[in-house]
Amino acid sequence: MTELLANFAAGRWQTGNGPGTVLSDPVLGDALVRVDCTGLDLPEAFAFARDRGGAALRAMTYRERAALLAAVVKVLQAHRESYYDIATANSGTVKNDSAVDIDGGIFTLGQYARWGDALGDVRVLRDGDAVKLGKEPVFLSQHLQVPTRGLALFINAFNFPAWGLWEKAAPALLSGVPVIVKPATATAWLTQRMVKDVIDAGVLPVGALSVIAGSSAGLMDQLQPFDVVSFTGSAETAAVIRSHPAVAHRSVRANIEADSLNSAILLPDATVGSDAFNLLVREVVREMTVKSGQKCTAIRRVLVPAAVYDAAAEAIGAKLAGISVGNPRNESVRMGSLVSAAQLHAVREGLAALSAHTDLLHDGRACPLVDADPAVAACMGPVLLGARDADAASAVHDMEVFGPVATLLPYRDLDHALALAHRGQGSLVTSLFGADEAALAAAAVQLAASHGRVHVVTPDVAQAHTGHGNVMPMSQHGGPGRAGGGAELGGLRALDFYHQRSAVQASPGVLASLGL
């Protein structure tokens, strides 16, 4: 029988007492490990993290907690190659795609370690300057940011088992808030191994970091008023979290990242074969194929001037035709598998639904897989759909297929393009491609109201831009409306979620003694 992975809860390693869920290789079909948390004493686990882990972290300064993050980075770097092996086996990703997850997580931790060190040896953050409350400056109000006295529960998605943990944990731990992570079951192995390596290295106070792999049943029930919960996943599950008594009645803060129909827009000034046209084609292909399109930030809708619709379809299809799909262990493979047979089934169902409203422009499903059995492997070649009437194709603006699928849409003018982008009802990111800086800037401002991030690509940043779907810790990650209404990262802005703002009203002498 496969190994049953242990959970780290209440300061000790514990295995569930059930049979566990088997995690499988999505390409070979082999059973890898099992996860289970049946029988864990969840009240004990949450109380231990909240009381022991939280107290130990809050006793430190921001600079001292930043040093903890730097120590975690060293631990993860020492075990980095083993993480690639796990990602290949459990997520079916090629090495470059695994790097987005693994190295992206380590990079984010390193950034917060540096930013935290600059905060200095303080335990409270000043929020603005003191302001007088009367005519004379004898009684003032000073706003502070202090770490919340609770814990952070992370309920994460399957597509980023490494980065999904550390991009949340870095600002939480820097803030002085202990973390309990519940990774998505399908790819929980990598999350569990990373946590195990950090725990075994002893670089964090006991209780500062816990992992519970398996069912999420009962986790939300444990949350208390000063706790926070961060969720990445479907809108349906997000609705359950928002309506849970912990959030609805106990006012637990919830950060949600849900569905997102992200778009890429080619501005009207970009002609066929122009630098901007070629940059859009390259980015669309990359976003359709990196991690087999399983990114919440991936491009789902491609908006181009009607005059270049056919040329864009041909250019994108030609590049997609060169994408080899199959076993990520084979060096000739550029795109691996979906994370599971269940996910492959979901993508096929979604694609069938979209196909009823669109034309098939490129179908990579018929191409033979490299070094993989199509009867076993959860692999699917990229598919480009198209709809010549972008307004009538309502399903394209309402349904996200979480895989290597995108839809090409023509627009009449820039106002029409912006209106189509807004029909996503709130997205994580949109990209603009063109050379007219004034038009790009005006469009970016128009799109900002419905997008968490606007990524503008001009020919002069062709080699410098960080990528439509690449989430950098310096920029906000999140989006309004359908995207969940959440906000993560954005540099030190991420610390806001884990702090309580309070106004201290006192004399100048008292305020001076706060040690800010």
Protein backbone atom coordinates (compact mmCIF):
# COMPACT_ATOMS: atom_id res chain seq x y z
CA MET A 1 0.00 0.00 0.00
CA THR A 2 1.18 3.54 -0.76
CA GLU A 3 2.58 5.79 1.97
CA LEU A 4 0.06 7.71 4.07
CA LEU A 5 1.32 11.27 4.43
CA ALA A 6 1.24 12.74 7.91
CA ASN A 7 -0.45 15.98 8.91
CA PHE A 8 1.34 18.47 11.14
CA ALA A 9 -1.18 19.76 13.68
CA ALA A 10 -1.04 20.75 17.36
CA GLY A 11 2.75 20.74 17.16
CA ARG A 12 3.17 17.10 16.12
CA TRP A 13 2.98 14.81 13.10
CA GLN A 14 -0.25 12.83 12.96
CA THR A 15 -1.82 10.48 10.42
CA GLY A 16 -5.53 10.17 9.86
CA ASN A 17 -7.26 6.97 10.90
CA GLY A 18 -9.13 6.47 7.62
CA PRO A 19 -8.06 4.66 4.44
CA GLY A 20 -7.06 7.93 2.82
CA THR A 21 -7.35 9.30 -0.70
CA VAL A 22 -4.86 8.04 -3.23
CA LEU A 23 -2.91 10.64 -5.22
CA SER A 24 -1.99 9.39 -8.69
CA ASP A 25 0.41 10.20 -11.49
CA PRO A 26 -1.85 11.89 -14.07
CA VAL A 27 0.27 10.64 -16.97
CA LEU A 28 1.20 7.09 -15.97
CA GLY A 29 -1.76 6.41 -13.70
CA ASP A 30 0.46 5.05 -10.91
CA ALA A 31 -0.61 5.43 -7.27
CA LEU A 32 1.84 7.74 -5.47
CA VAL A 33 0.84 8.48 -1.86
CA ARG A 34 -2.30 8.81 0.26
CA VAL A 35 -3.65 11.71 2.31
CA ASP A 36 -6.13 11.60 5.16
CA CYS A 37 -7.05 13.74 8.16
CA THR A 38 -9.88 11.63 9.56
CA GLY A 39 -9.93 11.68 13.35
CA LEU A 40 -7.70 14.73 13.86
CA ASP A 41 -8.61 16.83 16.86
CA LEU A 42 -9.27 20.04 14.94
CA PRO A 43 -10.13 22.21 17.98
CA GLU A 44 -6.79 21.23 19.51
CA ALA A 45 -4.94 21.94 16.26
CA PHE A 46 -6.45 25.40 15.81
CA ALA A 47 -6.03 26.36 19.47
CA PHE A 48 -2.38 25.28 19.44
CA ALA A 49 -1.61 27.31 16.33
CA ARG A 50 -3.53 30.32 17.60
CA ASP A 51 -2.07 30.30 21.12
CA ARG A 52 1.42 28.79 20.84
CA GLY A 53 2.34 29.71 17.29
CA GLY A 54 0.72 33.13 17.40
CA ALA A 55 2.28 34.12 20.71
CA ALA A 56 5.76 33.09 19.56
CA LEU A 57 5.48 35.04 16.31
CA ARG A 58 4.04 38.17 17.89
CA ALA A 59 6.87 38.24 20.43
CA MET A 60 9.25 38.88 17.52
CA THR A 61 9.84 42.08 15.59
CA TYR A 62 9.16 42.37 11.87
CA ARG A 63 12.88 42.12 11.21
CA GLU A 64 13.11 38.93 13.26
CA ARG A 65 10.16 37.41 11.44
CA ALA A 66 11.73 38.42 8.13
CA ALA A 67 14.77 36.40 9.17
CA LEU A 68 12.47 33.40 9.64
CA LEU A 69 11.32 33.76 6.03
CA ALA A 70 14.92 33.94 4.87
CA ALA A 71 15.64 30.72 6.78
CA VAL A 72 12.65 29.03 5.13
CA VAL A 73 14.04 30.06 1.73
CA LYS A 74 17.32 28.29 2.50
CA VAL A 75 15.52 25.12 3.54
CA LEU A 76 13.42 25.05 0.38
CA GLN A 77 16.39 25.76 -1.86
CA ALA A 78 18.28 22.85 -0.30
CA HIS A 79 15.46 20.45 -1.24
CA ARG A 80 14.50 22.13 -4.51
CA GLU A 81 15.27 19.25 -6.86
CA SER A 82 13.09 16.83 -4.92
CA TYR A 83 10.17 19.22 -5.38
CA TYR A 84 10.58 19.03 -9.14
CA ASP A 85 10.35 15.25 -8.97
CA ILE A 86 7.13 15.45 -6.97
CA ALA A 87 5.61 18.06 -9.32
CA THR A 88 6.37 15.91 -12.35
CA ALA A 89 4.83 12.83 -10.75
CA ASN A 90 1.80 14.41 -9.05
CA SER A 91 0.98 17.43 -11.24
CA GLY A 92 2.19 16.19 -14.61
CA THR A 93 4.08 19.41 -15.35
CA VAL A 94 7.18 19.90 -17.47
CA LYS A 95 10.18 21.41 -15.69
CA ASN A 96 9.61 24.98 -16.88
CA ASP A 97 6.03 24.85 -15.64
CA SER A 98 7.09 23.39 -12.30
CA ALA A 99 9.51 26.30 -11.95
CA VAL A 100 6.62 28.77 -12.13
CA ASP A 101 5.20 27.08 -9.03
CA ILE A 102 8.29 26.06 -7.06
CA ASP A 103 10.76 28.82 -7.85
CA GLY A 104 7.94 31.36 -7.89
CA GLY A 105 7.07 30.44 -4.31
CA ILE A 106 10.68 30.62 -3.15
CA PHE A 107 11.17 33.96 -4.93
CA THR A 108 8.09 35.41 -3.23
CA LEU A 109 9.33 34.32 0.20
CA GLY A 110 12.67 35.97 -0.49
CA GLN A 111 11.01 39.21 -1.48
CA TYR A 112 8.98 39.38 1.73
CA ALA A 113 12.09 38.55 3.74
CA ARG A 114 13.80 41.62 2.27
CA TRP A 115 10.77 43.88 2.64
CA GLY A 116 10.23 42.70 6.22
CA ASP A 117 13.82 43.36 7.17
CA ALA A 118 13.39 46.98 6.09
CA LEU A 119 10.45 47.37 8.51
CA GLY A 120 12.97 47.17 11.33
CA ASP A 121 12.85 46.05 14.96
CA VAL A 122 9.29 47.12 15.72
CA ARG A 123 6.19 45.12 16.63
CA VAL A 124 3.62 47.71 15.57
CA LEU A 125 3.31 49.57 12.27
CA ARG A 126 2.45 53.25 11.97
CA ASP A 127 -0.49 53.92 9.63
CA GLY A 128 -0.14 57.54 8.56
CA ASP A 129 0.80 60.50 10.71
CA ALA A 130 -0.81 61.60 13.94
CA VAL A 131 -3.52 64.23 13.52
CA LYS A 132 -4.81 66.68 16.09
CA LEU A 133 -8.37 66.24 17.37
CA GLY A 134 -8.86 69.84 18.42
CA LYS A 135 -7.54 73.31 17.75
CA GLU A 136 -4.34 72.76 19.69
CA PRO A 137 -1.96 69.79 19.15
CA VAL A 138 -2.40 68.49 22.67
CA PHE A 139 -4.67 65.54 21.94
CA LEU A 140 -3.94 63.51 18.83
CA SER A 141 -5.07 60.42 16.93
CA GLN A 142 -2.49 57.97 15.62
CA HIS A 143 -3.59 54.99 13.53
CA LEU A 144 -1.70 51.75 14.08
CA GLN A 145 -1.55 48.38 12.37
CA VAL A 146 -1.17 45.50 14.82
CA PRO A 147 -1.09 41.76 14.03
CA THR A 148 -4.44 40.03 14.42
CA ARG A 149 -4.63 37.74 17.46
CA GLY A 150 -5.92 34.83 15.39
CA LEU A 151 -4.61 32.42 12.79
CA ALA A 152 -4.72 32.22 8.99
CA LEU A 153 -6.45 29.27 7.36
CA PHE A 154 -5.49 28.72 3.72
CA ILE A 155 -7.76 26.54 1.59
CA ASN A 156 -5.75 26.28 -1.60
CA ALA A 157 -6.29 25.22 -5.21
CA PHE A 158 -4.73 22.25 -7.02
CA ASN A 159 -2.82 24.18 -9.67
CA PHE A 160 -0.13 25.81 -7.49
CA PRO A 161 0.70 23.53 -4.54
CA ALA A 162 3.97 25.40 -3.85
CA TRP A 163 3.43 29.04 -4.79
CA GLY A 164 -0.17 28.90 -3.57
CA LEU A 165 1.12 28.20 -0.06
CA TRP A 166 4.08 30.54 0.11
CA GLU A 167 2.54 33.61 -1.56
CA LYS A 168 -0.01 33.58 1.26
CA ALA A 169 2.23 32.36 4.07
CA ALA A 170 4.99 34.91 3.46
CA PRO A 171 2.94 38.00 4.40
CA ALA A 172 1.05 36.07 7.10
CA LEU A 173 4.16 34.90 8.93
CA LEU A 174 5.84 38.29 8.45
CA SER A 175 2.77 39.85 10.06
CA GLY A 176 3.06 37.53 13.06
CA VAL A 177 0.08 35.32 12.20
CA PRO A 178 0.35 31.49 12.34
CA VAL A 179 -0.73 29.48 9.31
CA ILE A 180 -2.77 26.33 8.81
CA VAL A 181 -2.76 25.24 5.16
CA LYS A 182 -5.26 22.83 3.66
CA PRO A 183 -3.91 22.02 0.18
CA ALA A 184 -6.14 20.74 -2.60
CA THR A 185 -6.19 16.97 -2.27
CA ALA A 186 -5.19 16.12 -5.85
CA THR A 187 -1.75 17.77 -5.57
CA ALA A 188 -1.25 17.88 -1.79
CA TRP A 189 2.00 15.93 -1.84
CA LEU A 190 4.22 18.88 -2.78
CA THR A 191 2.66 21.18 -0.19
CA GLN A 192 3.00 18.54 2.52
CA ARG A 193 6.64 17.83 1.63
CA MET A 194 7.61 21.50 1.67
CA VAL A 195 5.97 22.00 5.06
CA LYS A 196 7.65 18.83 6.34
CA ASP A 197 11.07 20.03 5.26
CA VAL A 198 10.54 23.39 6.98
CA ILE A 199 9.18 21.80 10.16
CA ASP A 200 11.95 19.22 10.31
CA ALA A 201 14.56 21.97 9.92
CA GLY A 202 13.20 23.71 13.01
CA VAL A 203 13.44 27.19 11.53
CA LEU A 204 9.96 28.30 12.65
CA PRO A 205 8.42 28.41 16.12
CA VAL A 206 6.29 25.35 16.81
CA GLY A 207 2.71 26.08 15.82
CA ALA A 208 3.62 28.80 13.32
CA LEU A 209 2.98 26.49 10.35
CA SER A 210 0.65 23.49 10.14
CA VAL A 211 -0.61 21.35 7.26
CA ILE A 212 -3.81 19.32 7.11
CA ALA A 213 -4.19 17.23 3.95
CA GLY A 214 -7.41 15.47 3.04
CA SER A 215 -10.99 16.53 3.62
CA SER A 216 -11.75 20.14 4.51
CA ALA A 217 -14.78 19.09 6.56
CA GLY A 218 -14.89 20.92 9.88
CA LEU A 219 -12.07 23.36 9.20
CA MET A 220 -14.27 26.43 8.82
CA ASP A 221 -16.14 25.48 12.00
CA GLN A 222 -12.97 26.09 14.02
CA LEU A 223 -12.51 29.71 13.00
CA GLN A 224 -12.89 32.39 15.66
CA PRO A 225 -13.52 36.15 15.28
CA PHE A 226 -9.87 37.23 14.99
CA ASP A 227 -8.92 34.48 12.50
CA VAL A 228 -8.74 34.98 8.73
CA VAL A 229 -9.41 32.58 5.88
CA SER A 230 -8.01 32.76 2.37
CA PHE A 231 -9.54 30.60 -0.36
CA THR A 232 -8.55 29.92 -3.95
CA GLY A 233 -10.91 27.84 -6.05
CA SER A 234 -14.36 27.71 -7.60
CA ALA A 235 -17.07 30.33 -7.20
CA GLU A 236 -19.41 27.64 -5.86
CA THR A 237 -17.09 26.79 -2.97
CA ALA A 238 -16.42 30.49 -2.41
CA ALA A 239 -20.15 31.01 -1.90
CA VAL A 240 -20.19 28.27 0.73
CA ILE A 241 -17.31 29.94 2.57
CA ARG A 242 -18.94 33.37 2.48
CA SER A 243 -22.17 31.96 3.90
CA HIS A 244 -20.48 29.93 6.65
CA PRO A 245 -21.31 31.14 10.19
CA ALA A 246 -17.63 31.87 10.82
CA VAL A 247 -17.76 34.57 8.14
CA ALA A 248 -21.44 35.54 8.27
CA HIS A 249 -21.82 35.67 12.06
CA ARG A 250 -18.33 35.71 13.62
CA SER A 251 -16.94 38.25 11.13
CA VAL A 252 -13.91 36.17 10.18
CA ARG A 253 -12.16 37.99 7.36
CA ALA A 254 -12.30 36.09 4.07
CA ASN A 255 -10.11 36.63 1.03
CA ILE A 256 -11.50 34.93 -2.05
CA GLU A 257 -9.94 34.22 -5.43
CA ALA A 258 -12.50 32.55 -7.66
CA ASP A 259 -13.24 32.21 -11.40
CA SER A 260 -11.75 34.65 -13.88
CA LEU A 261 -12.34 35.07 -17.61
CA ASN A 262 -9.16 37.00 -18.32
CA SER A 263 -8.67 38.65 -21.68
CA ALA A 264 -5.93 39.83 -24.02
CA ILE A 265 -6.68 42.79 -26.29
CA LEU A 266 -4.87 43.77 -29.47
CA LEU A 267 -5.34 47.50 -30.02
CA PRO A 268 -6.69 48.79 -33.36
CA ASP A 269 -3.32 50.26 -34.38
CA ALA A 270 -1.70 46.79 -34.46
CA THR A 271 -1.70 45.38 -37.98
CA VAL A 272 -1.03 41.81 -39.08
CA GLY A 273 2.66 41.03 -38.70
CA SER A 274 3.38 44.07 -36.52
CA ASP A 275 5.45 43.69 -33.37
CA ALA A 276 2.36 44.08 -31.19
CA PHE A 277 0.48 41.45 -33.23
CA ASN A 278 3.33 38.98 -32.88
CA LEU A 279 3.67 39.67 -29.16
CA LEU A 280 -0.02 38.94 -28.62
CA VAL A 281 0.20 35.68 -30.56
CA ARG A 282 3.21 34.57 -28.53
CA GLU A 283 1.59 35.44 -25.21
CA VAL A 284 -1.70 33.72 -26.05
CA VAL A 285 0.12 30.51 -26.95
CA ARG A 286 2.19 30.68 -23.78
CA GLU A 287 -0.85 31.24 -21.57
CA MET A 288 -2.77 28.42 -23.22
CA THR A 289 0.03 25.91 -22.70
CA VAL A 290 1.90 26.80 -19.46
CA LYS A 291 0.66 24.31 -16.85
CA SER A 292 -1.75 23.08 -19.54
CA GLY A 293 -3.77 26.26 -19.14
CA GLN A 294 -4.48 25.49 -15.47
CA LYS A 295 -3.81 28.99 -14.17
CA CYS A 296 -6.36 31.34 -12.70
CA THR A 297 -4.60 34.12 -14.62
CA ALA A 298 -4.53 32.36 -18.02
CA ILE A 299 -5.91 34.12 -21.10
CA ARG A 300 -9.41 32.81 -21.85
CA ARG A 301 -10.65 35.46 -24.32
CA VAL A 302 -8.53 36.97 -27.12
CA LEU A 303 -9.99 40.23 -28.48
CA VAL A 304 -8.68 41.45 -31.83
CA PRO A 305 -9.84 43.94 -34.49
CA ALA A 306 -12.26 42.27 -36.88
CA ALA A 307 -9.90 42.95 -39.79
CA VAL A 308 -7.17 40.72 -38.30
CA TYR A 309 -9.40 37.96 -36.92
CA ASP A 310 -8.55 35.39 -39.61
CA ALA A 311 -4.84 36.18 -39.54
CA ALA A 312 -4.76 35.93 -35.76
CA ALA A 313 -6.52 32.56 -35.87
CA GLU A 314 -3.98 31.30 -38.40
CA ALA A 315 -0.95 32.63 -36.50
CA ILE A 316 -2.05 31.29 -33.11
CA GLY A 317 -3.03 27.95 -34.61
CA ALA A 318 0.33 27.61 -36.37
CA LYS A 319 2.22 28.09 -33.12
CA LEU A 320 -0.09 25.76 -31.20
CA ALA A 321 0.56 23.09 -33.81
CA GLY A 322 4.20 23.05 -32.73
CA ILE A 323 3.37 22.27 -29.07
CA SER A 324 4.28 18.69 -28.19
CA VAL A 325 2.04 17.16 -25.50
CA GLY A 326 2.66 14.12 -23.34
CA ASN A 327 4.89 12.70 -20.62
CA PRO A 328 6.74 15.59 -18.91
CA ARG A 329 9.71 13.28 -18.29
CA ASN A 330 10.42 13.30 -22.02
CA GLU A 331 12.60 16.30 -22.85
CA SER A 332 10.85 16.82 -26.20
CA VAL A 333 7.52 17.49 -24.46
CA ARG A 334 6.52 21.14 -24.05
CA MET A 335 3.15 20.65 -22.37
CA GLY A 336 2.37 18.00 -19.78
CA SER A 337 -0.96 16.82 -18.49
CA LEU A 338 -3.90 18.13 -16.55
CA VAL A 339 -3.62 17.29 -12.86
CA SER A 340 -6.03 14.37 -12.87
CA ALA A 341 -8.46 12.31 -14.91
CA ALA A 342 -11.28 14.15 -13.12
CA GLN A 343 -9.90 17.49 -14.26
CA LEU A 344 -9.56 16.20 -17.83
CA HIS A 345 -13.21 15.16 -17.72
CA ALA A 346 -14.23 18.60 -16.44
CA VAL A 347 -12.28 20.33 -19.22
CA ARG A 348 -13.84 18.11 -21.86
CA GLU A 349 -17.31 18.86 -20.53
CA GLY A 350 -16.65 22.60 -20.49
CA LEU A 351 -15.16 22.51 -23.96
CA ALA A 352 -18.20 20.67 -25.29
CA ALA A 353 -20.46 23.34 -23.81
CA LEU A 354 -18.42 26.20 -25.32
CA SER A 355 -18.18 24.44 -28.68
CA ALA A 356 -21.93 24.71 -29.08
CA HIS A 357 -21.53 28.50 -29.33
CA THR A 358 -18.19 28.79 -31.17
CA ASP A 359 -16.19 27.61 -34.16
CA LEU A 360 -13.21 25.28 -33.84
CA LEU A 361 -10.12 27.16 -35.08
CA HIS A 362 -7.39 24.80 -33.89
CA ASP A 363 -7.82 21.34 -32.41
CA GLY A 364 -4.76 19.85 -30.77
CA ARG A 365 -6.69 16.91 -29.36
CA ALA A 366 -6.09 14.83 -32.46
CA CYS A 367 -2.30 15.08 -32.25
CA PRO A 368 -0.57 11.97 -30.88
CA LEU A 369 0.81 12.15 -27.35
CA VAL A 370 4.53 11.83 -26.76
CA ASP A 371 5.53 8.88 -24.58
CA ALA A 372 2.05 8.60 -23.03
CA ASP A 373 -0.93 6.29 -23.35
CA PRO A 374 -4.03 8.30 -24.33
CA ALA A 375 -6.19 5.74 -22.55
CA VAL A 376 -4.44 6.54 -19.25
CA ALA A 377 -2.83 9.98 -19.42
CA ALA A 378 -4.85 13.08 -18.49
CA CYS A 379 -3.35 14.92 -21.46
CA MET A 380 -5.14 17.11 -23.97
CA GLY A 381 -3.72 19.22 -26.78
CA PRO A 382 -4.56 22.95 -26.87
CA VAL A 383 -7.83 24.05 -28.45
CA LEU A 384 -8.52 27.48 -29.93
CA LEU A 385 -12.17 28.39 -30.42
CA GLY A 386 -13.60 31.40 -32.20
CA ALA A 387 -16.86 33.35 -32.42
CA ARG A 388 -17.33 35.91 -35.18
CA ASP A 389 -20.22 37.50 -33.29
CA ALA A 390 -18.57 38.31 -29.97
CA ASP A 391 -21.71 39.90 -28.56
CA ALA A 392 -23.95 36.91 -29.18
CA ALA A 393 -21.49 34.34 -27.83
CA SER A 394 -22.66 34.78 -24.24
CA ALA A 395 -21.20 31.49 -23.00
CA VAL A 396 -17.69 32.70 -23.82
CA HIS A 397 -18.10 35.57 -21.38
CA ASP A 398 -19.70 33.42 -18.68
CA MET A 399 -17.91 30.06 -18.64
CA GLU A 400 -14.27 29.36 -17.79
CA VAL A 401 -12.77 26.12 -19.06
CA PHE A 402 -9.81 25.53 -16.76
CA GLY A 403 -7.42 23.99 -19.26
CA PRO A 404 -5.62 24.65 -22.58
CA VAL A 405 -8.61 26.41 -24.16
CA ALA A 406 -9.09 30.00 -25.33
CA THR A 407 -11.58 31.78 -27.59
CA LEU A 408 -10.75 34.34 -30.29
CA LEU A 409 -13.23 37.21 -30.59
CA PRO A 410 -13.36 40.12 -33.10
CA TYR A 411 -14.33 43.65 -32.10
CA ARG A 412 -15.50 46.69 -34.09
CA ASP A 413 -13.59 49.45 -32.30
CA LEU A 414 -11.76 49.97 -29.04
CA ASP A 415 -14.88 50.89 -27.09
CA HIS A 416 -16.41 47.60 -28.21
CA ALA A 417 -13.28 45.73 -27.11
CA LEU A 418 -13.38 47.31 -23.67
CA ALA A 419 -17.07 46.49 -23.30
CA LEU A 420 -16.36 42.86 -24.16
CA ALA A 421 -13.56 42.72 -21.59
CA HIS A 422 -15.93 44.10 -18.93
CA ARG A 423 -18.39 41.31 -19.74
CA GLY A 424 -16.13 39.00 -17.78
CA GLN A 425 -17.81 40.62 -14.73
CA GLY A 426 -14.52 41.03 -12.91
CA SER A 427 -11.20 39.41 -13.77
CA LEU A 428 -7.76 38.96 -12.28
CA VAL A 429 -5.86 40.37 -15.26
CA THR A 430 -6.16 41.70 -18.77
CA SER A 431 -3.37 42.39 -21.23
CA LEU A 432 -3.16 45.16 -23.80
CA PHE A 433 -0.93 44.91 -26.87
CA GLY A 434 -0.16 47.90 -29.08
CA ALA A 435 2.22 50.78 -29.78
CA ASP A 436 0.01 53.85 -29.20
CA GLU A 437 1.00 54.79 -25.66
CA ALA A 438 -1.80 57.31 -25.16
CA ALA A 439 -4.46 54.84 -26.32
CA LEU A 440 -2.97 52.09 -24.15
CA ALA A 441 -2.93 54.33 -21.09
CA ALA A 442 -6.53 55.42 -21.61
CA ALA A 443 -7.65 51.81 -22.09
CA ALA A 444 -5.75 50.70 -18.98
CA VAL A 445 -7.62 53.21 -16.85
CA GLN A 446 -10.95 52.12 -18.33
CA LEU A 447 -10.21 48.46 -17.61
CA ALA A 448 -8.90 48.98 -14.08
CA ALA A 449 -12.42 49.12 -12.63
CA SER A 450 -13.07 45.46 -13.49
CA HIS A 451 -9.57 44.00 -13.34
CA GLY A 452 -7.12 43.49 -10.50
CA ARG A 453 -4.16 43.95 -12.82
CA VAL A 454 -3.72 45.52 -16.27
CA HIS A 455 -0.65 44.24 -18.14
CA VAL A 456 0.40 46.57 -20.97
CA VAL A 457 2.82 45.24 -23.59
CA THR A 458 4.47 47.53 -26.12
CA PRO A 459 7.26 46.52 -28.50
CA ASP A 460 9.86 48.26 -26.34
CA VAL A 461 9.14 45.94 -23.39
CA ALA A 462 9.01 42.76 -25.47
CA GLN A 463 11.93 41.23 -23.55
CA ALA A 464 11.27 42.92 -20.22
CA HIS A 465 7.59 42.34 -19.45
CA THR A 466 6.93 39.66 -16.87
CA GLY A 467 4.07 37.90 -18.66
CA HIS A 468 0.30 38.17 -18.65
CA GLY A 469 -0.24 35.27 -16.26
CA ASN A 470 2.88 35.58 -14.12
CA VAL A 471 1.95 36.89 -10.68
CA MET A 472 4.74 39.04 -9.25
CA PRO A 473 4.79 39.75 -5.49
CA MET A 474 5.23 43.47 -6.16
CA SER A 475 1.83 43.73 -7.85
CA GLN A 476 -1.65 43.03 -6.57
CA HIS A 477 -3.12 39.60 -7.23
CA GLY A 478 -6.90 39.47 -7.08
CA GLY A 479 -9.86 40.99 -8.82
CA PRO A 480 -13.39 42.30 -8.28
CA GLY A 481 -16.72 40.67 -9.02
CA ARG A 482 -16.53 37.17 -10.48
CA ALA A 483 -12.82 36.99 -9.63
CA GLY A 484 -13.76 36.91 -5.96
CA GLY A 485 -13.20 40.44 -4.73
CA GLY A 486 -9.94 39.48 -3.03
CA ALA A 487 -6.52 41.07 -2.92
CA GLU A 488 -3.19 39.38 -2.28
CA LEU A 489 0.45 40.41 -2.61
CA GLY A 490 1.04 43.95 -3.86
CA GLY A 491 4.20 44.27 -1.80
CA LEU A 492 3.60 45.22 1.83
CA ARG A 493 -0.07 45.85 1.06
CA ALA A 494 -0.52 42.12 1.62
CA LEU A 495 0.12 42.67 5.33
CA ASP A 496 -3.15 44.62 5.67
CA PHE A 497 -5.21 41.40 5.61
CA TYR A 498 -3.34 40.07 8.64
CA HIS A 499 -3.42 43.27 10.70
CA GLN A 500 -6.01 45.16 12.69
CA ARG A 501 -6.12 48.94 12.26
CA SER A 502 -6.73 50.84 15.47
CA ALA A 503 -6.65 54.53 16.36
CA VAL A 504 -4.87 55.49 19.57
CA GLN A 505 -6.07 58.87 20.84
CA ALA A 506 -3.69 60.40 23.35
CA SER A 507 -1.25 63.15 24.17
CA PRO A 508 1.93 63.63 22.10
CA GLY A 509 3.93 62.15 24.97
CA VAL A 510 1.93 58.94 25.05
CA LEU A 511 2.11 58.58 21.28
CA ALA A 512 5.87 59.13 21.38
CA SER A 513 6.13 56.25 23.82
CA LEU A 514 4.48 53.82 21.40
CA GLY A 515 7.90 53.01 19.99
CA LEU A 516 7.00 53.56 16.35
